[in-house]
All heavy atoms as atom14 arrays in JSON, in Angstrom:
{
  "sequence": "FNVPGAAVGVIKDGKVLLNKGYGRQDINKTLAIDSKT",
  "atom14_mask": [
    [1, 1, 1, 1, 1, 1, 1, 1, 1, 1, 1, 0, 0, 0],
    [1, 1, 1, 1, 1, 1, 1, 1, 0, 0, 0, 0, 0, 0],
    [1, 1, 1, 1, 1, 1, 1, 0, 0, 0, 0, 0, 0, 0],
    [1, 1, 1, 1, 1, 1, 1, 0, 0, 0, 0, 0, 0, 0],
    [1, 1, 1, 1, 0, 0, 0, 0, 0, 0, 0, 0, 0, 0],
    [1, 1, 1, 1, 1, 0, 0, 0, 0, 0, 0, 0, 0, 0],
    [1, 1, 1, 1, 1, 0, 0, 0, 0, 0, 0, 0, 0, 0],
    [1, 1, 1, 1, 1, 1, 1, 0, 0, 0, 0, 0, 0, 0],
    [1, 1, 1, 1, 0, 0, 0, 0, 0, 0, 0, 0, 0, 0],
    [1, 1, 1, 1, 1, 1, 1, 0, 0, 0, 0, 0, 0, 0],
    [1, 1, 1, 1, 1, 1, 1, 1, 0, 0, 0, 0, 0, 0],
    [1, 1, 1, 1, 1, 1, 1, 1, 1, 0, 0, 0, 0, 0],
    [1, 1, 1, 1, 1, 1, 1, 1, 0, 0, 0, 0, 0, 0],
    [1, 1, 1, 1, 0, 0, 0, 0, 0, 0, 0, 0, 0, 0],
    [1, 1, 1, 1, 1, 1, 1, 1, 1, 0, 0, 0, 0, 0],
    [1, 1, 1, 1, 1, 1, 1, 0, 0, 0, 0, 0, 0, 0],
    [1, 1, 1, 1, 1, 1, 1, 1, 0, 0, 0, 0, 0, 0],
    [1, 1, 1, 1, 1, 1, 1, 1, 0, 0, 0, 0, 0, 0],
    [1, 1, 1, 1, 1, 1, 1, 1, 0, 0, 0, 0, 0, 0],
    [1, 1, 1, 1, 1, 1, 1, 1, 1, 0, 0, 0, 0, 0],
    [1, 1, 1, 1, 0, 0, 0, 0, 0, 0, 0, 0, 0, 0],
    [1, 1, 1, 1, 1, 1, 1, 1, 1, 1, 1, 1, 0, 0],
    [1, 1, 1, 1, 0, 0, 0, 0, 0, 0, 0, 0, 0, 0],
    [1, 1, 1, 1, 1, 1, 1, 1, 1, 1, 1, 0, 0, 0],
    [1, 1, 1, 1, 1, 1, 1, 1, 1, 0, 0, 0, 0, 0],
    [1, 1, 1, 1, 1, 1, 1, 1, 0, 0, 0, 0, 0, 0],
    [1, 1, 1, 1, 1, 1, 1, 1, 0, 0, 0, 0, 0, 0],
    [1, 1, 1, 1, 1, 1, 1, 1, 0, 0, 0, 0, 0, 0],
    [1, 1, 1, 1, 1, 1, 1, 1, 1, 0, 0, 0, 0, 0],
    [1, 1, 1, 1, 1, 1, 1, 0, 0, 0, 0, 0, 0, 0],
    [1, 1, 1, 1, 1, 1, 1, 1, 0, 0, 0, 0, 0, 0],
    [1, 1, 1, 1, 1, 0, 0, 0, 0, 0, 0, 0, 0, 0],
    [1, 1, 1, 1, 1, 1, 1, 1, 0, 0, 0, 0, 0, 0],
    [1, 1, 1, 1, 1, 1, 1, 1, 0, 0, 0, 0, 0, 0],
    [1, 1, 1, 1, 1, 1, 0, 0, 0, 0, 0, 0, 0, 0],
    [1, 1, 1, 1, 1, 1, 1, 1, 1, 0, 0, 0, 0, 0],
    [1, 1, 1, 1, 1, 1, 1, 0, 0, 0, 0, 0, 0, 0]
  ],
  "atom14_positions": [
    [[0.8, -1.23, 0.0], [0.0, -0.02, 0.0], [0.85, 1.29, 0.0], [0.32, 2.38, 0.21], [-0.97, -0.02, 1.19], [-2.0, -1.09, 1.13], [-1.84, -2.24, 1.95], [-3.09, -0.97, 0.28], [-2.82, -3.25, 1.87], [-4.04, -1.98, 0.23], [-3.89, -3.13, 1.02], [0.0, 0.0, 0.0], [0.0, 0.0, 0.0], [0.0, 0.0, 0.0]],
    [[2.15, 1.14, -0.25], [3.04, 2.3, -0.32], [2.99, 3.17, 0.94], [2.89, 4.41, 0.89], [2.7, 3.19, -1.52], [3.1, 2.58, -2.84], [4.11, 1.8, -2.89], [2.39, 2.82, -3.91], [0.0, 0.0, 0.0], [0.0, 0.0, 0.0], [0.0, 0.0, 0.0], [0.0, 0.0, 0.0], [0.0, 0.0, 0.0], [0.0, 0.0, 0.0]],
    [[3.08, 2.49, 2.09], [3.09, 3.19, 3.38], [4.53, 3.27, 3.88], [5.2, 2.25, 3.96], [2.2, 2.43, 4.41], [2.3, 3.11, 5.77], [0.79, 2.32, 3.93], [0.0, 0.0, 0.0], [0.0, 0.0, 0.0], [0.0, 0.0, 0.0], [0.0, 0.0, 0.0], [0.0, 0.0, 0.0], [0.0, 0.0, 0.0], [0.0, 0.0, 0.0]],
    [[5.05, 4.49, 4.19], [6.43, 4.56, 4.65], [6.72, 3.81, 5.94], [7.78, 3.19, 6.09], [6.62, 6.1, 4.83], [5.64, 6.69, 3.9], [4.44, 5.78, 3.97], [0.0, 0.0, 0.0], [0.0, 0.0, 0.0], [0.0, 0.0, 0.0], [0.0, 0.0, 0.0], [0.0, 0.0, 0.0], [0.0, 0.0, 0.0], [0.0, 0.0, 0.0]],
    [[5.78, 3.89, 6.94], [6.09, 3.26, 8.22], [4.88, 3.05, 9.08], [3.77, 3.53, 8.82], [0.0, 0.0, 0.0], [0.0, 0.0, 0.0], [0.0, 0.0, 0.0], [0.0, 0.0, 0.0], [0.0, 0.0, 0.0], [0.0, 0.0, 0.0], [0.0, 0.0, 0.0], [0.0, 0.0, 0.0], [0.0, 0.0, 0.0], [0.0, 0.0, 0.0]],
    [[5.07, 2.25, 10.16], [4.02, 1.89, 11.08], [4.61, 1.56, 12.43], [5.78, 1.3, 12.56], [3.22, 0.67, 10.52], [0.0, 0.0, 0.0], [0.0, 0.0, 0.0], [0.0, 0.0, 0.0], [0.0, 0.0, 0.0], [0.0, 0.0, 0.0], [0.0, 0.0, 0.0], [0.0, 0.0, 0.0], [0.0, 0.0, 0.0], [0.0, 0.0, 0.0]],
    [[3.74, 1.59, 13.44], [4.06, 1.08, 14.76], [2.91, 0.21, 15.21], [1.71, 0.55, 15.01], [4.29, 2.26, 15.72], [0.0, 0.0, 0.0], [0.0, 0.0, 0.0], [0.0, 0.0, 0.0], [0.0, 0.0, 0.0], [0.0, 0.0, 0.0], [0.0, 0.0, 0.0], [0.0, 0.0, 0.0], [0.0, 0.0, 0.0], [0.0, 0.0, 0.0]],
    [[3.21, -0.92, 15.79], [2.19, -1.91, 16.15], [2.46, -2.41, 17.53], [3.61, -2.72, 17.88], [2.19, -3.1, 15.14], [1.07, -4.11, 15.52], [1.96, -2.62, 13.73], [0.0, 0.0, 0.0], [0.0, 0.0, 0.0], [0.0, 0.0, 0.0], [0.0, 0.0, 0.0], [0.0, 0.0, 0.0], [0.0, 0.0, 0.0], [0.0, 0.0, 0.0]],
    [[1.4, -2.51, 18.32], [1.52, -3.05, 19.69], [0.43, -4.09, 19.98], [-0.7, -3.92, 19.48], [0.0, 0.0, 0.0], [0.0, 0.0, 0.0], [0.0, 0.0, 0.0], [0.0, 0.0, 0.0], [0.0, 0.0, 0.0], [0.0, 0.0, 0.0], [0.0, 0.0, 0.0], [0.0, 0.0, 0.0], [0.0, 0.0, 0.0], [0.0, 0.0, 0.0]],
    [[0.77, -5.13, 20.7], [-0.16, -6.15, 21.13], [0.04, -6.46, 22.57], [1.15, -6.69, 23.02], [0.03, -7.44, 20.3], [-0.99, -8.51, 20.7], [-0.13, -7.18, 18.8], [0.0, 0.0, 0.0], [0.0, 0.0, 0.0], [0.0, 0.0, 0.0], [0.0, 0.0, 0.0], [0.0, 0.0, 0.0], [0.0, 0.0, 0.0], [0.0, 0.0, 0.0]],
    [[-1.05, -6.46, 23.31], [-1.0, -6.85, 24.74], [-2.07, -7.9, 25.0], [-3.19, -7.74, 24.56], [-1.19, -5.61, 25.67], [-0.92, -5.98, 27.13], [-2.5, -4.92, 25.44], [-0.77, -4.79, 28.05], [0.0, 0.0, 0.0], [0.0, 0.0, 0.0], [0.0, 0.0, 0.0], [0.0, 0.0, 0.0], [0.0, 0.0, 0.0], [0.0, 0.0, 0.0]],
    [[-1.67, -8.94, 25.71], [-2.58, -10.08, 25.99], [-2.36, -10.53, 27.41], [-1.22, -10.81, 27.83], [-2.31, -11.2, 25.0], [-3.13, -12.47, 25.22], [-4.53, -12.32, 24.65], [-5.26, -13.66, 24.6], [-5.6, -14.19, 25.92], [0.0, 0.0, 0.0], [0.0, 0.0, 0.0], [0.0, 0.0, 0.0], [0.0, 0.0, 0.0], [0.0, 0.0, 0.0]],
    [[-3.45, -10.58, 28.16], [-3.4, -11.06, 29.56], [-2.37, -10.26, 30.38], [-1.62, -10.8, 31.2], [-3.02, -12.55, 29.61], [-4.1, -13.4, 28.92], [-5.27, -13.06, 28.99], [-3.73, -14.38, 28.28], [0.0, 0.0, 0.0], [0.0, 0.0, 0.0], [0.0, 0.0, 0.0], [0.0, 0.0, 0.0], [0.0, 0.0, 0.0], [0.0, 0.0, 0.0]],
    [[-2.31, -8.95, 30.1], [-1.38, -8.07, 30.83], [0.05, -8.15, 30.38], [0.92, -7.46, 30.98], [0.0, 0.0, 0.0], [0.0, 0.0, 0.0], [0.0, 0.0, 0.0], [0.0, 0.0, 0.0], [0.0, 0.0, 0.0], [0.0, 0.0, 0.0], [0.0, 0.0, 0.0], [0.0, 0.0, 0.0], [0.0, 0.0, 0.0], [0.0, 0.0, 0.0]],
    [[0.34, -8.92, 29.36], [1.71, -9.09, 28.91], [1.85, -8.47, 27.51], [1.07, -8.79, 26.62], [2.1, -10.54, 28.86], [3.54, -10.82, 28.4], [3.87, -12.29, 28.35], [5.3, -12.56, 27.88], [5.63, -14.02, 27.81], [0.0, 0.0, 0.0], [0.0, 0.0, 0.0], [0.0, 0.0, 0.0], [0.0, 0.0, 0.0], [0.0, 0.0, 0.0]],
    [[2.86, -7.65, 27.29], [3.11, -7.04, 26.0], [3.81, -8.06, 25.09], [4.91, -8.55, 25.4], [3.99, -5.78, 26.12], [4.34, -5.22, 24.74], [3.27, -4.7, 26.9], [0.0, 0.0, 0.0], [0.0, 0.0, 0.0], [0.0, 0.0, 0.0], [0.0, 0.0, 0.0], [0.0, 0.0, 0.0], [0.0, 0.0, 0.0], [0.0, 0.0, 0.0]],
    [[3.09, -8.45, 24.03], [3.64, -9.43, 23.09], [4.37, -8.75, 21.94], [5.25, -9.38, 21.31], [2.49, -10.31, 22.53], [1.64, -11.04, 23.52], [0.6, -11.91, 22.77], [2.48, -11.94, 24.41], [0.0, 0.0, 0.0], [0.0, 0.0, 0.0], [0.0, 0.0, 0.0], [0.0, 0.0, 0.0], [0.0, 0.0, 0.0], [0.0, 0.0, 0.0]],
    [[3.99, -7.53, 21.6], [4.65, -6.83, 20.51], [4.57, -5.32, 20.84], [3.53, -4.82, 21.24], [3.92, -7.13, 19.18], [4.55, -6.53, 17.95], [5.88, -7.24, 17.6], [3.58, -6.61, 16.77], [0.0, 0.0, 0.0], [0.0, 0.0, 0.0], [0.0, 0.0, 0.0], [0.0, 0.0, 0.0], [0.0, 0.0, 0.0], [0.0, 0.0, 0.0]],
    [[5.7, -4.64, 20.55], [5.75, -3.2, 20.82], [6.92, -2.63, 19.98], [8.04, -2.53, 20.47], [5.98, -2.94, 22.3], [6.09, -1.47, 22.64], [5.68, -0.61, 21.86], [6.65, -1.14, 23.8], [0.0, 0.0, 0.0], [0.0, 0.0, 0.0], [0.0, 0.0, 0.0], [0.0, 0.0, 0.0], [0.0, 0.0, 0.0], [0.0, 0.0, 0.0]],
    [[6.67, -2.38, 18.72], [7.78, -2.01, 17.84], [7.37, -1.22, 16.66], [6.14, -1.08, 16.35], [8.54, -3.25, 17.41], [7.74, -4.16, 16.46], [8.51, -5.48, 16.11], [9.79, -5.22, 15.4], [10.46, -6.46, 14.97], [0.0, 0.0, 0.0], [0.0, 0.0, 0.0], [0.0, 0.0, 0.0], [0.0, 0.0, 0.0], [0.0, 0.0, 0.0]],
    [[8.33, -0.65, 15.95], [8.08, 0.12, 14.77], [8.61, -0.58, 13.53], [9.44, -1.49, 13.58], [0.0, 0.0, 0.0], [0.0, 0.0, 0.0], [0.0, 0.0, 0.0], [0.0, 0.0, 0.0], [0.0, 0.0, 0.0], [0.0, 0.0, 0.0], [0.0, 0.0, 0.0], [0.0, 0.0, 0.0], [0.0, 0.0, 0.0], [0.0, 0.0, 0.0]],
    [[8.11, -0.09, 12.36], [8.5, -0.67, 11.07], [8.64, 0.49, 10.09], [7.88, 1.48, 10.09], [7.38, -1.58, 10.55], [7.07, -2.76, 11.47], [6.17, -2.57, 12.48], [7.65, -4.0, 11.3], [5.84, -3.65, 13.34], [7.35, -5.05, 12.13], [6.42, -4.86, 13.14], [6.14, -5.9, 13.98], [0.0, 0.0, 0.0], [0.0, 0.0, 0.0]],
    [[9.58, 0.34, 9.19], [9.74, 1.33, 8.15], [10.29, 2.69, 8.61], [10.95, 2.77, 9.64], [0.0, 0.0, 0.0], [0.0, 0.0, 0.0], [0.0, 0.0, 0.0], [0.0, 0.0, 0.0], [0.0, 0.0, 0.0], [0.0, 0.0, 0.0], [0.0, 0.0, 0.0], [0.0, 0.0, 0.0], [0.0, 0.0, 0.0], [0.0, 0.0, 0.0]],
    [[9.96, 3.71, 7.82], [10.58, 5.03, 8.02], [9.62, 6.07, 8.6], [8.45, 6.07, 8.37], [11.06, 5.58, 6.67], [12.11, 4.75, 5.94], [12.48, 5.44, 4.65], [13.5, 4.7, 3.92], [14.04, 5.1, 2.79], [13.61, 6.24, 2.26], [14.95, 4.38, 2.16], [0.0, 0.0, 0.0], [0.0, 0.0, 0.0], [0.0, 0.0, 0.0]],
    [[10.26, 6.99, 9.37], [9.49, 8.15, 9.84], [9.19, 9.12, 8.68], [8.09, 9.72, 8.68], [10.33, 8.91, 10.88], [10.75, 8.14, 12.12], [11.7, 8.95, 12.96], [11.71, 10.18, 12.92], [12.53, 8.26, 13.72], [0.0, 0.0, 0.0], [0.0, 0.0, 0.0], [0.0, 0.0, 0.0], [0.0, 0.0, 0.0], [0.0, 0.0, 0.0]],
    [[10.08, 9.24, 7.76], [9.99, 10.17, 6.66], [10.5, 9.5, 5.4], [11.57, 8.87, 5.41], [10.88, 11.37, 7.02], [10.82, 12.52, 5.99], [10.62, 12.21, 4.79], [10.99, 13.67, 6.4], [0.0, 0.0, 0.0], [0.0, 0.0, 0.0], [0.0, 0.0, 0.0], [0.0, 0.0, 0.0], [0.0, 0.0, 0.0], [0.0, 0.0, 0.0]],
    [[9.72, 9.52, 4.32], [10.06, 8.84, 3.14], [11.36, 9.33, 2.52], [12.05, 8.63, 1.8], [8.92, 8.98, 2.05], [9.12, 7.98, 0.92], [8.8, 10.4, 1.57], [9.05, 6.55, 1.32], [0.0, 0.0, 0.0], [0.0, 0.0, 0.0], [0.0, 0.0, 0.0], [0.0, 0.0, 0.0], [0.0, 0.0, 0.0], [0.0, 0.0, 0.0]],
    [[11.75, 10.59, 2.87], [12.95, 11.18, 2.32], [14.2, 10.95, 3.16], [15.26, 11.42, 2.85], [12.72, 12.69, 2.1], [11.59, 12.97, 1.2], [11.52, 12.4, 0.11], [10.69, 13.87, 1.61], [0.0, 0.0, 0.0], [0.0, 0.0, 0.0], [0.0, 0.0, 0.0], [0.0, 0.0, 0.0], [0.0, 0.0, 0.0], [0.0, 0.0, 0.0]],
    [[14.03, 10.24, 4.32], [15.12, 10.04, 5.23], [15.17, 8.59, 5.67], [14.2, 7.8, 5.43], [15.0, 10.93, 6.45], [14.99, 12.45, 6.14], [14.82, 13.3, 7.38], [14.77, 14.79, 7.04], [14.59, 15.62, 8.24], [0.0, 0.0, 0.0], [0.0, 0.0, 0.0], [0.0, 0.0, 0.0], [0.0, 0.0, 0.0], [0.0, 0.0, 0.0]],
    [[16.24, 8.18, 6.27], [16.4, 6.77, 6.7], [16.08, 6.57, 8.16], [16.29, 5.46, 8.68], [17.84, 6.29, 6.45], [18.74, 7.16, 7.14], [18.18, 6.36, 4.95], [0.0, 0.0, 0.0], [0.0, 0.0, 0.0], [0.0, 0.0, 0.0], [0.0, 0.0, 0.0], [0.0, 0.0, 0.0], [0.0, 0.0, 0.0], [0.0, 0.0, 0.0]],
    [[15.54, 7.54, 8.85], [15.2, 7.44, 10.27], [14.11, 6.39, 10.43], [13.04, 6.46, 9.88], [14.71, 8.79, 10.82], [15.76, 9.91, 10.82], [15.1, 11.24, 11.19], [16.88, 9.58, 11.78], [0.0, 0.0, 0.0], [0.0, 0.0, 0.0], [0.0, 0.0, 0.0], [0.0, 0.0, 0.0], [0.0, 0.0, 0.0], [0.0, 0.0, 0.0]],
    [[14.38, 5.4, 11.31], [13.46, 4.3, 11.49], [12.42, 4.62, 12.55], [12.67, 5.36, 13.5], [14.25, 3.02, 11.9], [0.0, 0.0, 0.0], [0.0, 0.0, 0.0], [0.0, 0.0, 0.0], [0.0, 0.0, 0.0], [0.0, 0.0, 0.0], [0.0, 0.0, 0.0], [0.0, 0.0, 0.0], [0.0, 0.0, 0.0], [0.0, 0.0, 0.0]],
    [[11.25, 4.05, 12.36], [10.18, 4.14, 13.35], [10.47, 3.1, 14.43], [10.83, 1.94, 14.15], [8.79, 3.91, 12.72], [8.4, 5.11, 11.86], [7.73, 3.65, 13.79], [7.11, 4.99, 11.14], [0.0, 0.0, 0.0], [0.0, 0.0, 0.0], [0.0, 0.0, 0.0], [0.0, 0.0, 0.0], [0.0, 0.0, 0.0], [0.0, 0.0, 0.0]],
    [[10.28, 3.49, 15.73], [10.38, 2.54, 16.82], [9.18, 2.7, 17.77], [8.21, 3.39, 17.44], [11.73, 2.75, 17.54], [11.91, 4.15, 18.13], [10.89, 4.74, 18.52], [13.06, 4.58, 18.22], [0.0, 0.0, 0.0], [0.0, 0.0, 0.0], [0.0, 0.0, 0.0], [0.0, 0.0, 0.0], [0.0, 0.0, 0.0], [0.0, 0.0, 0.0]],
    [[9.27, 2.06, 18.89], [8.1, 2.06, 19.82], [7.88, 3.39, 20.46], [6.79, 3.67, 21.02], [8.32, 1.02, 20.91], [9.42, 1.33, 21.73], [0.0, 0.0, 0.0], [0.0, 0.0, 0.0], [0.0, 0.0, 0.0], [0.0, 0.0, 0.0], [0.0, 0.0, 0.0], [0.0, 0.0, 0.0], [0.0, 0.0, 0.0], [0.0, 0.0, 0.0]],
    [[8.86, 4.33, 20.4], [8.71, 5.65, 20.98], [8.39, 6.74, 19.95], [8.24, 7.88, 20.33], [10.0, 6.03, 21.72], [10.41, 5.04, 22.82], [9.44, 5.04, 23.98], [9.89, 4.08, 25.08], [11.12, 4.52, 25.78], [0.0, 0.0, 0.0], [0.0, 0.0, 0.0], [0.0, 0.0, 0.0], [0.0, 0.0, 0.0], [0.0, 0.0, 0.0]],
    [[8.26, 6.37, 18.69], [7.99, 7.37, 17.65], [6.6, 8.0, 17.87], [5.62, 7.27, 18.12], [8.05, 6.7, 16.26], [9.34, 6.15, 16.05], [7.76, 7.73, 15.15], [0.0, 0.0, 0.0], [0.0, 0.0, 0.0], [0.0, 0.0, 0.0], [0.0, 0.0, 0.0], [0.0, 0.0, 0.0], [0.0, 0.0, 0.0], [0.0, 0.0, 0.0]]
  ]
}
């Protein structure tokens, strides 16, 4: 879908199973998305 970046989180039974970023903050730069973006 031509999306530069995403952040995804999953919590189950009080436990964080996923908490991370994907792709870029800015299509023109190499800065990566993370859980704090």
